[in-house]
């Protein structure tokens, strides 16, 4: 705690001039300046006591009730197809029930098209959906809106985050007859 030093003679005169120039509010008086008859002695302040460190308050952590089961993580489409499906895909002996061609679309319109197209394919009971999205190319993550290969780079993320993710049994590269590296087969689960 510091002790106020008081006003010097110059400061008192300046304050008096300022106080005379002010019109007081209704019901108030102009504060007067107390004339100091004798100068105040400079008193050195007492050293402040060292602060006492208080112990930090104890934090009480409320225990949450255990959740029944955490939500399942989004699928990465790693499920294995049986040998019958794998042989048919490798030999090209498979015909898509529904085809989605995303060439010429922007990222926004391609997303809308893939979700709406899968809605339609599922309504039709399609088992194999061919998605033509172009070849996968290295794309700078900061510029995925305009570079070639942007739709293909985002496609699996869109599928995993969509409401269709649980209906997709597997995602496989298409046979050369259906586009090869530029297309994917989405093998859908049987409707229940």
N, C-alpha and C. Protein backbone atom coordinates (compact mmCIF):
# COMPACT_ATOMS: atom_id res chain seq x y z
N UNK A 1 0.85 -1.17 0.00
CA UNK A 1 0.00 0.00 0.00
C UNK A 1 0.89 1.23 0.00
N UNK A 2 0.59 2.14 -0.87
CA UNK A 2 1.40 3.36 -0.93
C UNK A 2 0.65 4.50 -0.26
N UNK A 3 1.39 5.36 0.33
CA UNK A 3 0.81 6.53 1.01
C UNK A 3 0.78 7.65 0.00
N UNK A 4 -0.38 8.35 -0.14
CA UNK A 4 -0.45 9.44 -1.10
C UNK A 4 0.51 10.56 -0.71
N UNK A 5 1.13 11.15 -1.68
CA UNK A 5 2.15 12.16 -1.40
C UNK A 5 1.58 13.55 -1.24
N UNK A 6 0.34 13.77 -1.64
CA UNK A 6 -0.24 15.11 -1.54
C UNK A 6 0.09 15.91 -2.79
N UNK A 7 -0.50 17.12 -2.91
CA UNK A 7 -0.27 17.95 -4.09
C UNK A 7 0.85 18.95 -3.81
N UNK A 8 1.64 19.19 -4.81
CA UNK A 8 2.67 20.22 -4.69
C UNK A 8 2.00 21.59 -4.80
N UNK A 9 2.72 22.67 -4.56
CA UNK A 9 2.17 24.03 -4.63
C UNK A 9 1.68 24.32 -6.05
N UNK A 10 2.42 23.91 -7.06
CA UNK A 10 2.01 24.12 -8.45
C UNK A 10 0.73 23.35 -8.76
N UNK A 11 0.67 22.12 -8.30
CA UNK A 11 -0.50 21.29 -8.55
C UNK A 11 -1.73 21.84 -7.84
N UNK A 12 -1.54 22.40 -6.62
CA UNK A 12 -2.66 23.00 -5.89
C UNK A 12 -3.20 24.21 -6.63
N UNK A 13 -2.32 25.02 -7.18
CA UNK A 13 -2.74 26.22 -7.90
C UNK A 13 -3.49 25.82 -9.18
N UNK A 14 -2.98 24.84 -9.90
CA UNK A 14 -3.63 24.38 -11.12
C UNK A 14 -5.01 23.83 -10.80
N UNK A 15 -5.13 23.08 -9.70
CA UNK A 15 -6.40 22.49 -9.31
C UNK A 15 -7.39 23.59 -8.94
N UNK A 16 -6.95 24.62 -8.27
CA UNK A 16 -7.83 25.72 -7.87
C UNK A 16 -8.35 26.45 -9.10
N UNK A 17 -7.48 26.70 -10.09
CA UNK A 17 -7.93 27.35 -11.32
C UNK A 17 -8.95 26.49 -12.06
N UNK A 18 -8.72 25.19 -12.13
CA UNK A 18 -9.66 24.29 -12.78
C UNK A 18 -10.99 24.25 -12.05
N UNK A 19 -10.97 24.17 -10.73
CA UNK A 19 -12.19 24.10 -9.94
C UNK A 19 -13.03 25.36 -10.09
N UNK A 20 -12.41 26.53 -10.28
CA UNK A 20 -13.16 27.79 -10.44
C UNK A 20 -13.82 27.86 -11.81
N UNK A 21 -13.28 27.16 -12.80
CA UNK A 21 -13.84 27.23 -14.15
C UNK A 21 -15.02 26.28 -14.36
N UNK A 22 -15.31 25.46 -13.37
CA UNK A 22 -16.35 24.45 -13.50
C UNK A 22 -17.62 24.94 -12.83
N UNK A 23 -18.76 24.74 -13.52
CA UNK A 23 -20.06 25.04 -12.91
C UNK A 23 -20.54 23.76 -12.24
N UNK A 24 -20.80 23.79 -10.94
CA UNK A 24 -21.20 22.56 -10.25
C UNK A 24 -22.62 22.15 -10.62
N UNK A 25 -22.91 20.89 -10.47
CA UNK A 25 -24.26 20.38 -10.69
C UNK A 25 -25.19 20.97 -9.65
N UNK A 26 -26.48 20.93 -9.94
CA UNK A 26 -27.46 21.47 -9.02
C UNK A 26 -27.36 20.77 -7.67
N UNK A 27 -27.30 21.55 -6.58
CA UNK A 27 -27.22 20.97 -5.24
C UNK A 27 -25.81 20.61 -4.81
N UNK A 28 -24.81 20.94 -5.60
CA UNK A 28 -23.43 20.61 -5.26
C UNK A 28 -22.62 21.88 -5.10
N UNK A 29 -21.56 21.81 -4.32
CA UNK A 29 -20.66 22.95 -4.14
C UNK A 29 -19.37 22.70 -4.90
N UNK A 30 -18.69 23.79 -5.21
CA UNK A 30 -17.38 23.68 -5.83
C UNK A 30 -16.41 23.22 -4.75
N UNK A 31 -15.71 22.14 -5.01
CA UNK A 31 -14.79 21.67 -3.97
C UNK A 31 -13.66 22.69 -3.79
N UNK A 32 -13.36 22.97 -2.55
CA UNK A 32 -12.28 23.90 -2.24
C UNK A 32 -10.97 23.15 -2.11
N UNK A 33 -9.91 23.91 -2.21
CA UNK A 33 -8.60 23.31 -2.08
C UNK A 33 -8.12 23.62 -0.68
N UNK A 34 -7.82 22.60 0.06
CA UNK A 34 -7.33 22.80 1.43
C UNK A 34 -5.91 23.32 1.36
N UNK A 35 -5.74 24.45 1.96
CA UNK A 35 -4.40 25.04 1.98
C UNK A 35 -3.58 24.32 3.03
N UNK A 36 -2.43 23.94 2.64
CA UNK A 36 -1.58 23.23 3.57
C UNK A 36 -0.70 24.27 4.28
N UNK A 37 -0.84 24.34 5.58
CA UNK A 37 -0.06 25.31 6.33
C UNK A 37 1.39 24.91 6.44
N UNK A 38 1.62 23.68 6.56
CA UNK A 38 3.00 23.23 6.61
C UNK A 38 3.19 22.10 5.62
N UNK A 39 4.34 22.07 4.99
CA UNK A 39 4.56 21.01 4.04
C UNK A 39 4.59 19.65 4.73
N UNK A 40 4.07 18.68 4.02
CA UNK A 40 4.07 17.32 4.58
C UNK A 40 5.47 16.77 4.55
N UNK A 41 5.75 16.06 5.56
CA UNK A 41 7.04 15.39 5.59
C UNK A 41 6.95 14.12 4.77
N UNK A 42 8.04 13.84 4.12
CA UNK A 42 8.08 12.62 3.33
C UNK A 42 8.31 11.45 4.26
N UNK A 43 7.34 10.60 4.31
CA UNK A 43 7.42 9.42 5.16
C UNK A 43 7.64 8.23 4.25
N UNK A 44 8.67 7.49 4.52
CA UNK A 44 8.91 6.30 3.70
C UNK A 44 7.87 5.25 4.04
N UNK A 45 7.32 4.66 3.02
CA UNK A 45 6.28 3.66 3.28
C UNK A 45 6.87 2.44 3.95
N UNK A 46 6.02 1.83 4.76
CA UNK A 46 6.45 0.60 5.42
C UNK A 46 6.55 -0.49 4.37
N UNK A 47 7.54 -1.34 4.49
CA UNK A 47 7.62 -2.44 3.52
C UNK A 47 6.39 -3.32 3.67
N UNK A 48 5.82 -3.65 2.53
CA UNK A 48 4.62 -4.48 2.56
C UNK A 48 5.00 -5.90 2.96
N UNK A 49 4.13 -6.51 3.71
CA UNK A 49 4.44 -7.89 4.11
C UNK A 49 4.42 -8.81 2.89
N UNK A 50 5.18 -9.86 3.00
CA UNK A 50 5.23 -10.82 1.89
C UNK A 50 3.87 -11.47 1.74
N UNK A 51 3.44 -11.63 0.48
CA UNK A 51 2.13 -12.25 0.30
C UNK A 51 2.15 -13.69 0.76
N UNK A 52 1.07 -14.06 1.39
CA UNK A 52 0.93 -15.42 1.87
C UNK A 52 0.30 -16.24 0.75
N UNK A 53 0.95 -17.31 0.37
CA UNK A 53 0.45 -18.17 -0.70
C UNK A 53 -0.64 -19.08 -0.13
N UNK A 54 -1.82 -18.94 -0.69
CA UNK A 54 -2.91 -19.81 -0.27
C UNK A 54 -2.87 -21.07 -1.12
N UNK A 55 -3.19 -22.19 -0.53
CA UNK A 55 -3.20 -23.41 -1.34
C UNK A 55 -4.31 -23.32 -2.39
N UNK A 56 -4.03 -23.88 -3.54
CA UNK A 56 -5.01 -23.87 -4.62
C UNK A 56 -6.23 -24.67 -4.20
N UNK A 57 -7.42 -24.19 -4.57
CA UNK A 57 -8.61 -24.96 -4.19
C UNK A 57 -8.61 -26.31 -4.90
N UNK A 58 -9.12 -27.28 -4.20
CA UNK A 58 -9.17 -28.62 -4.78
C UNK A 58 -10.30 -28.68 -5.80
N UNK A 59 -9.98 -29.24 -6.94
CA UNK A 59 -10.97 -29.39 -7.99
C UNK A 59 -11.74 -30.68 -7.77
N UNK A 60 -13.02 -30.56 -7.82
CA UNK A 60 -13.87 -31.74 -7.68
C UNK A 60 -14.38 -32.08 -9.07
N UNK A 61 -14.03 -33.24 -9.55
CA UNK A 61 -14.46 -33.67 -10.87
C UNK A 61 -15.65 -34.60 -10.71
N UNK A 62 -16.74 -34.16 -11.30
CA UNK A 62 -17.94 -34.99 -11.23
C UNK A 62 -17.78 -36.16 -12.19
N UNK A 63 -18.11 -37.32 -11.71
CA UNK A 63 -18.01 -38.49 -12.57
C UNK A 63 -19.23 -38.58 -13.45
N UNK A 64 -18.97 -38.81 -14.71
CA UNK A 64 -20.07 -38.96 -15.65
C UNK A 64 -20.56 -40.40 -15.62
N UNK A 65 -21.83 -40.57 -15.79
CA UNK A 65 -22.29 -41.96 -15.88
C UNK A 65 -21.73 -42.60 -17.14
N UNK A 66 -21.38 -43.85 -17.03
CA UNK A 66 -20.80 -44.54 -18.17
C UNK A 66 -21.81 -44.64 -19.30
N UNK A 67 -21.35 -44.31 -20.49
CA UNK A 67 -22.22 -44.38 -21.66
C UNK A 67 -22.44 -45.84 -22.01
N UNK A 68 -23.58 -46.13 -22.56
CA UNK A 68 -23.90 -47.51 -22.91
C UNK A 68 -22.84 -48.05 -23.88
N UNK A 69 -22.68 -47.41 -24.99
CA UNK A 69 -21.64 -47.76 -25.95
C UNK A 69 -21.31 -46.50 -26.74
N UNK A 70 -20.03 -46.27 -27.00
CA UNK A 70 -19.69 -45.09 -27.79
C UNK A 70 -20.18 -45.29 -29.23
N UNK A 71 -20.45 -44.19 -29.92
CA UNK A 71 -20.91 -44.35 -31.30
C UNK A 71 -19.81 -45.00 -32.14
N UNK A 72 -20.19 -45.84 -33.07
CA UNK A 72 -19.17 -46.51 -33.87
C UNK A 72 -18.45 -45.50 -34.76
N UNK A 73 -17.14 -45.69 -34.96
CA UNK A 73 -16.42 -44.77 -35.84
C UNK A 73 -16.90 -44.93 -37.28
N UNK A 74 -16.72 -43.88 -38.04
CA UNK A 74 -17.13 -43.94 -39.45
C UNK A 74 -16.32 -45.01 -40.16
N UNK A 75 -16.96 -45.70 -41.07
CA UNK A 75 -16.33 -46.82 -41.77
C UNK A 75 -15.32 -46.35 -42.78
N UNK A 76 -14.32 -47.15 -42.99
CA UNK A 76 -13.33 -46.87 -44.03
C UNK A 76 -13.52 -47.83 -45.21
N UNK A 77 -14.60 -48.55 -45.25
CA UNK A 77 -14.94 -49.48 -46.34
C UNK A 77 -13.86 -50.53 -46.53
N UNK A 78 -13.43 -51.14 -45.45
CA UNK A 78 -12.38 -52.16 -45.54
C UNK A 78 -12.95 -53.57 -45.47
N UNK A 79 -14.26 -53.70 -45.47
CA UNK A 79 -14.83 -55.04 -45.37
C UNK A 79 -14.42 -55.88 -46.57
N UNK A 80 -14.25 -57.13 -46.33
CA UNK A 80 -13.84 -58.05 -47.38
C UNK A 80 -15.07 -58.65 -48.06
N UNK A 81 -15.00 -58.70 -49.34
CA UNK A 81 -16.04 -59.39 -50.09
C UNK A 81 -15.67 -60.86 -50.17
N UNK A 82 -16.64 -61.69 -50.39
CA UNK A 82 -16.30 -63.11 -50.53
C UNK A 82 -15.61 -63.34 -51.88
N UNK A 83 -15.06 -64.51 -52.04
CA UNK A 83 -14.29 -64.83 -53.24
C UNK A 83 -15.09 -64.70 -54.52
N UNK A 84 -16.35 -64.98 -54.46
CA UNK A 84 -17.22 -64.87 -55.63
C UNK A 84 -17.21 -63.43 -56.16
N UNK A 85 -17.42 -62.47 -55.28
CA UNK A 85 -17.42 -61.06 -55.69
C UNK A 85 -16.06 -60.63 -56.22
N UNK A 86 -15.00 -61.00 -55.51
CA UNK A 86 -13.65 -60.60 -55.94
C UNK A 86 -13.31 -61.15 -57.32
N UNK A 87 -13.67 -62.41 -57.60
CA UNK A 87 -13.40 -62.99 -58.92
C UNK A 87 -14.18 -62.25 -60.00
N UNK A 88 -15.44 -61.95 -59.73
CA UNK A 88 -16.26 -61.25 -60.72
C UNK A 88 -15.72 -59.85 -61.01
N UNK A 89 -15.26 -59.16 -59.98
CA UNK A 89 -14.72 -57.81 -60.17
C UNK A 89 -13.42 -57.86 -60.96
N UNK A 90 -12.51 -58.77 -60.60
CA UNK A 90 -11.22 -58.86 -61.29
C UNK A 90 -11.37 -59.27 -62.75
N UNK A 91 -12.31 -60.14 -63.03
CA UNK A 91 -12.48 -60.61 -64.41
C UNK A 91 -13.33 -59.66 -65.25
N UNK A 92 -13.95 -58.69 -64.63
CA UNK A 92 -14.82 -57.78 -65.37
C UNK A 92 -16.17 -58.38 -65.66
N UNK A 93 -16.48 -59.49 -65.01
CA UNK A 93 -17.74 -60.18 -65.22
C UNK A 93 -18.79 -59.62 -64.26
N UNK A 94 -18.90 -58.35 -64.24
CA UNK A 94 -19.85 -57.69 -63.37
C UNK A 94 -20.47 -56.54 -64.16
N UNK A 95 -21.73 -56.34 -64.01
CA UNK A 95 -22.36 -55.21 -64.71
C UNK A 95 -23.01 -54.33 -63.66
N UNK A 96 -22.69 -53.05 -63.70
CA UNK A 96 -23.25 -52.14 -62.70
C UNK A 96 -24.77 -52.00 -62.90
N UNK A 97 -25.46 -51.90 -61.79
CA UNK A 97 -26.91 -51.70 -61.82
C UNK A 97 -27.24 -50.22 -61.98
N UNK A 98 -26.32 -49.36 -61.60
CA UNK A 98 -26.55 -47.92 -61.65
C UNK A 98 -25.20 -47.25 -61.88
N UNK A 99 -25.16 -46.20 -62.69
CA UNK A 99 -23.92 -45.50 -62.98
C UNK A 99 -24.06 -44.02 -62.64
N UNK A 100 -23.05 -43.50 -61.95
CA UNK A 100 -22.98 -42.07 -61.64
C UNK A 100 -21.73 -41.51 -62.29
N UNK A 101 -21.88 -40.59 -63.23
CA UNK A 101 -20.73 -39.97 -63.89
C UNK A 101 -20.56 -38.56 -63.32
N UNK A 102 -19.43 -38.31 -62.68
CA UNK A 102 -19.20 -37.02 -62.02
C UNK A 102 -18.31 -36.09 -62.83
N UNK A 103 -18.01 -36.46 -64.08
CA UNK A 103 -17.19 -35.58 -64.91
C UNK A 103 -17.92 -34.26 -65.16
N UNK A 104 -17.18 -33.18 -65.15
CA UNK A 104 -17.74 -31.86 -65.43
C UNK A 104 -18.43 -31.20 -64.24
N UNK A 105 -18.41 -31.84 -63.09
CA UNK A 105 -19.04 -31.27 -61.90
C UNK A 105 -18.02 -30.51 -61.06
N UNK A 106 -18.49 -29.53 -60.31
CA UNK A 106 -17.66 -28.89 -59.29
C UNK A 106 -17.75 -29.76 -58.04
N UNK A 107 -16.97 -29.43 -57.03
CA UNK A 107 -17.03 -30.21 -55.80
C UNK A 107 -18.43 -30.18 -55.19
N UNK A 108 -19.04 -29.02 -55.17
CA UNK A 108 -20.37 -28.91 -54.57
C UNK A 108 -21.42 -29.70 -55.36
N UNK A 109 -21.41 -29.55 -56.67
CA UNK A 109 -22.42 -30.26 -57.46
C UNK A 109 -22.13 -31.76 -57.49
N UNK A 110 -20.85 -32.15 -57.43
CA UNK A 110 -20.52 -33.58 -57.39
C UNK A 110 -21.00 -34.21 -56.09
N UNK A 111 -20.85 -33.49 -54.98
CA UNK A 111 -21.32 -34.01 -53.70
C UNK A 111 -22.84 -34.22 -53.74
N UNK A 112 -23.54 -33.21 -54.23
CA UNK A 112 -24.99 -33.31 -54.32
C UNK A 112 -25.40 -34.47 -55.22
N UNK A 113 -24.69 -34.63 -56.34
CA UNK A 113 -25.01 -35.70 -57.30
C UNK A 113 -24.77 -37.08 -56.71
N UNK A 114 -23.65 -37.26 -55.98
CA UNK A 114 -23.34 -38.58 -55.43
C UNK A 114 -24.35 -38.98 -54.35
N UNK A 115 -24.74 -38.03 -53.51
CA UNK A 115 -25.70 -38.35 -52.44
C UNK A 115 -27.08 -38.64 -53.03
N UNK A 116 -27.53 -37.78 -53.96
CA UNK A 116 -28.84 -38.00 -54.58
C UNK A 116 -28.83 -39.27 -55.43
N UNK A 117 -27.73 -39.52 -56.12
CA UNK A 117 -27.63 -40.72 -56.94
C UNK A 117 -27.68 -41.99 -56.11
N UNK A 118 -27.01 -41.99 -54.95
CA UNK A 118 -27.06 -43.16 -54.08
C UNK A 118 -28.44 -43.34 -53.47
N UNK A 119 -29.12 -42.23 -53.19
CA UNK A 119 -30.51 -42.35 -52.73
C UNK A 119 -31.35 -43.08 -53.78
N UNK A 120 -31.19 -42.68 -55.02
CA UNK A 120 -31.96 -43.28 -56.11
C UNK A 120 -31.56 -44.74 -56.32
N UNK A 121 -30.26 -45.03 -56.30
CA UNK A 121 -29.79 -46.40 -56.50
C UNK A 121 -30.31 -47.33 -55.41
N UNK A 122 -30.30 -46.85 -54.19
CA UNK A 122 -30.80 -47.68 -53.09
C UNK A 122 -32.31 -47.89 -53.21
N UNK A 123 -33.03 -46.86 -53.66
CA UNK A 123 -34.47 -47.00 -53.85
C UNK A 123 -34.78 -48.03 -54.93
N UNK A 124 -33.89 -48.13 -55.93
CA UNK A 124 -34.07 -49.10 -57.02
C UNK A 124 -33.61 -50.49 -56.62
N UNK A 125 -32.90 -50.62 -55.50
CA UNK A 125 -32.39 -51.91 -55.08
C UNK A 125 -31.10 -52.30 -55.78
N UNK A 126 -30.32 -51.32 -56.26
CA UNK A 126 -29.07 -51.60 -56.98
C UNK A 126 -28.05 -52.22 -56.03
N UNK A 127 -27.34 -53.24 -56.50
CA UNK A 127 -26.28 -53.87 -55.71
C UNK A 127 -24.91 -53.32 -56.05
N UNK A 128 -24.67 -52.99 -57.33
CA UNK A 128 -23.37 -52.46 -57.76
C UNK A 128 -23.61 -51.10 -58.41
N UNK A 129 -22.97 -50.08 -57.83
CA UNK A 129 -23.06 -48.72 -58.37
C UNK A 129 -21.69 -48.37 -58.91
N UNK A 130 -21.64 -47.95 -60.17
CA UNK A 130 -20.38 -47.53 -60.78
C UNK A 130 -20.31 -46.01 -60.66
N UNK A 131 -19.25 -45.52 -60.02
CA UNK A 131 -19.03 -44.08 -59.87
C UNK A 131 -17.82 -43.71 -60.71
N UNK A 132 -18.05 -42.92 -61.76
CA UNK A 132 -16.97 -42.46 -62.63
C UNK A 132 -16.57 -41.08 -62.12
N UNK A 133 -15.38 -41.00 -61.53
CA UNK A 133 -14.95 -39.75 -60.89
C UNK A 133 -13.62 -39.25 -61.42
N UNK A 134 -13.02 -39.95 -62.35
CA UNK A 134 -11.72 -39.54 -62.86
C UNK A 134 -10.60 -40.20 -62.08
N UNK A 135 -9.40 -40.11 -62.64
CA UNK A 135 -8.25 -40.75 -61.99
C UNK A 135 -7.81 -39.98 -60.77
N UNK A 136 -7.29 -40.73 -59.83
CA UNK A 136 -6.79 -40.11 -58.61
C UNK A 136 -5.45 -39.44 -58.93
N UNK A 137 -5.35 -38.18 -58.59
CA UNK A 137 -4.11 -37.42 -58.80
C UNK A 137 -3.71 -36.78 -57.50
N UNK A 138 -2.40 -36.55 -57.34
CA UNK A 138 -1.99 -35.84 -56.12
C UNK A 138 -2.57 -34.42 -56.16
N UNK A 139 -3.22 -34.04 -55.07
CA UNK A 139 -3.87 -32.73 -55.00
C UNK A 139 -3.39 -32.03 -53.74
N UNK A 140 -3.03 -30.77 -53.88
CA UNK A 140 -2.65 -29.97 -52.74
C UNK A 140 -3.89 -29.76 -51.87
N UNK A 141 -3.84 -30.10 -50.57
CA UNK A 141 -5.04 -29.97 -49.73
C UNK A 141 -5.59 -28.54 -49.67
N UNK A 142 -4.74 -27.56 -49.88
CA UNK A 142 -5.21 -26.17 -49.81
C UNK A 142 -5.97 -25.77 -51.07
N UNK A 143 -5.82 -26.50 -52.17
CA UNK A 143 -6.46 -26.09 -53.42
C UNK A 143 -7.22 -27.24 -54.03
N UNK A 144 -8.13 -27.80 -53.31
CA UNK A 144 -8.90 -28.94 -53.84
C UNK A 144 -10.12 -28.51 -54.61
N UNK A 145 -10.39 -27.24 -54.71
CA UNK A 145 -11.58 -26.78 -55.40
C UNK A 145 -11.38 -26.75 -56.91
N UNK A 146 -10.17 -26.49 -57.38
CA UNK A 146 -9.98 -26.25 -58.80
C UNK A 146 -9.05 -27.24 -59.50
N UNK A 147 -8.27 -28.00 -58.79
CA UNK A 147 -7.31 -28.92 -59.41
C UNK A 147 -8.00 -30.18 -59.92
N UNK A 148 -7.39 -30.78 -60.91
CA UNK A 148 -7.91 -32.05 -61.41
C UNK A 148 -7.70 -33.11 -60.35
N UNK A 149 -8.66 -33.99 -60.22
CA UNK A 149 -8.57 -35.06 -59.22
C UNK A 149 -9.18 -34.68 -57.89
N UNK A 150 -9.75 -33.49 -57.79
CA UNK A 150 -10.30 -33.03 -56.51
C UNK A 150 -11.51 -33.85 -56.08
N UNK A 151 -12.37 -34.20 -57.03
CA UNK A 151 -13.57 -34.98 -56.69
C UNK A 151 -13.16 -36.37 -56.21
N UNK A 152 -12.24 -36.99 -56.93
CA UNK A 152 -11.79 -38.33 -56.54
C UNK A 152 -11.11 -38.30 -55.17
N UNK A 153 -10.38 -37.21 -54.89
CA UNK A 153 -9.70 -37.10 -53.61
C UNK A 153 -10.70 -36.99 -52.45
N UNK A 154 -11.85 -36.42 -52.69
CA UNK A 154 -12.85 -36.23 -51.64
C UNK A 154 -13.89 -37.35 -51.58
N UNK A 155 -13.99 -38.16 -52.61
CA UNK A 155 -15.10 -39.11 -52.75
C UNK A 155 -15.23 -40.06 -51.56
N UNK A 156 -14.16 -40.70 -51.14
CA UNK A 156 -14.26 -41.66 -50.04
C UNK A 156 -14.64 -40.98 -48.73
N UNK A 157 -14.16 -39.75 -48.52
CA UNK A 157 -14.54 -39.00 -47.31
C UNK A 157 -16.04 -38.71 -47.33
N UNK A 158 -16.55 -38.30 -48.49
CA UNK A 158 -17.98 -38.03 -48.61
C UNK A 158 -18.80 -39.27 -48.31
N UNK A 159 -18.38 -40.40 -48.87
CA UNK A 159 -19.13 -41.64 -48.68
C UNK A 159 -19.10 -42.07 -47.21
N UNK A 160 -17.94 -41.95 -46.57
CA UNK A 160 -17.81 -42.36 -45.17
C UNK A 160 -18.65 -41.48 -44.24
N UNK A 161 -18.81 -40.22 -44.59
CA UNK A 161 -19.56 -39.29 -43.74
C UNK A 161 -21.04 -39.24 -44.07
N UNK A 162 -21.44 -39.88 -45.15
CA UNK A 162 -22.84 -39.78 -45.58
C UNK A 162 -23.72 -40.77 -44.82
N UNK A 163 -25.03 -40.60 -45.00
CA UNK A 163 -25.97 -41.53 -44.40
C UNK A 163 -26.00 -42.86 -45.15
N UNK A 164 -25.26 -42.96 -46.24
CA UNK A 164 -25.17 -44.21 -47.01
C UNK A 164 -24.03 -45.11 -46.54
N UNK A 165 -23.20 -44.64 -45.63
CA UNK A 165 -21.99 -45.39 -45.27
C UNK A 165 -22.29 -46.79 -44.76
N UNK A 166 -23.36 -46.95 -44.00
CA UNK A 166 -23.70 -48.28 -43.47
C UNK A 166 -24.27 -49.21 -44.53
N UNK A 167 -24.72 -48.65 -45.66
CA UNK A 167 -25.30 -49.48 -46.71
C UNK A 167 -24.26 -49.94 -47.72
N UNK A 168 -23.04 -49.42 -47.64
CA UNK A 168 -21.98 -49.77 -48.60
C UNK A 168 -21.16 -50.92 -48.01
N UNK A 169 -21.15 -52.05 -48.71
CA UNK A 169 -20.39 -53.21 -48.24
C UNK A 169 -18.91 -53.06 -48.58
N UNK A 170 -18.60 -52.53 -49.76
CA UNK A 170 -17.20 -52.40 -50.17
C UNK A 170 -17.07 -51.39 -51.30
N UNK A 171 -15.88 -50.83 -51.41
CA UNK A 171 -15.55 -49.93 -52.51
C UNK A 171 -14.33 -50.55 -53.21
N UNK A 172 -14.45 -50.77 -54.51
CA UNK A 172 -13.36 -51.39 -55.27
C UNK A 172 -13.09 -50.60 -56.54
N UNK A 173 -11.85 -50.68 -56.99
CA UNK A 173 -11.48 -50.06 -58.27
C UNK A 173 -12.21 -50.81 -59.38
N UNK A 174 -12.71 -50.04 -60.34
CA UNK A 174 -13.49 -50.65 -61.42
C UNK A 174 -12.58 -51.39 -62.39
N UNK A 175 -13.17 -52.36 -63.10
CA UNK A 175 -12.46 -53.08 -64.16
C UNK A 175 -12.18 -52.10 -65.29
N UNK A 176 -11.17 -52.39 -66.09
CA UNK A 176 -10.77 -51.51 -67.19
C UNK A 176 -11.93 -51.25 -68.15
N UNK A 177 -12.83 -52.22 -68.31
CA UNK A 177 -14.00 -52.02 -69.19
C UNK A 177 -14.92 -50.92 -68.69
N UNK A 178 -14.92 -50.69 -67.38
CA UNK A 178 -15.82 -49.70 -66.79
C UNK A 178 -15.09 -48.44 -66.34
N UNK A 179 -13.84 -48.28 -66.73
CA UNK A 179 -13.14 -47.05 -66.38
C UNK A 179 -11.84 -47.26 -65.63
N UNK A 180 -11.58 -48.44 -65.16
CA UNK A 180 -10.31 -48.74 -64.48
C UNK A 180 -10.03 -47.80 -63.32
N UNK A 181 -8.85 -47.14 -63.37
CA UNK A 181 -8.45 -46.25 -62.29
C UNK A 181 -9.35 -45.02 -62.16
N UNK A 182 -10.11 -44.72 -63.19
CA UNK A 182 -10.97 -43.53 -63.15
C UNK A 182 -12.35 -43.78 -62.61
N UNK A 183 -12.62 -45.00 -62.13
CA UNK A 183 -13.96 -45.31 -61.65
C UNK A 183 -13.89 -46.27 -60.46
N UNK A 184 -14.96 -46.31 -59.71
CA UNK A 184 -15.06 -47.18 -58.54
C UNK A 184 -16.38 -47.94 -58.57
N UNK A 185 -16.33 -49.17 -58.08
CA UNK A 185 -17.55 -49.92 -57.84
C UNK A 185 -17.92 -49.71 -56.37
N UNK A 186 -19.16 -49.37 -56.11
CA UNK A 186 -19.68 -49.37 -54.75
C UNK A 186 -20.59 -50.59 -54.66
N UNK A 187 -20.17 -51.58 -53.88
CA UNK A 187 -20.98 -52.77 -53.71
C UNK A 187 -21.88 -52.52 -52.49
N UNK A 188 -23.16 -52.51 -52.74
CA UNK A 188 -24.12 -52.19 -51.70
C UNK A 188 -24.55 -53.46 -50.98
N UNK A 189 -24.89 -53.33 -49.71
CA UNK A 189 -25.42 -54.45 -48.95
C UNK A 189 -26.83 -54.74 -49.41
N UNK A 190 -27.24 -55.98 -49.21
CA UNK A 190 -28.62 -56.34 -49.55
C UNK A 190 -29.56 -55.58 -48.62
N UNK A 191 -30.66 -55.07 -49.17
CA UNK A 191 -31.62 -54.40 -48.31
C UNK A 191 -32.25 -55.40 -47.33
N UNK A 192 -32.51 -54.96 -46.16
CA UNK A 192 -33.06 -55.87 -45.13
C UNK A 192 -34.55 -55.82 -45.12
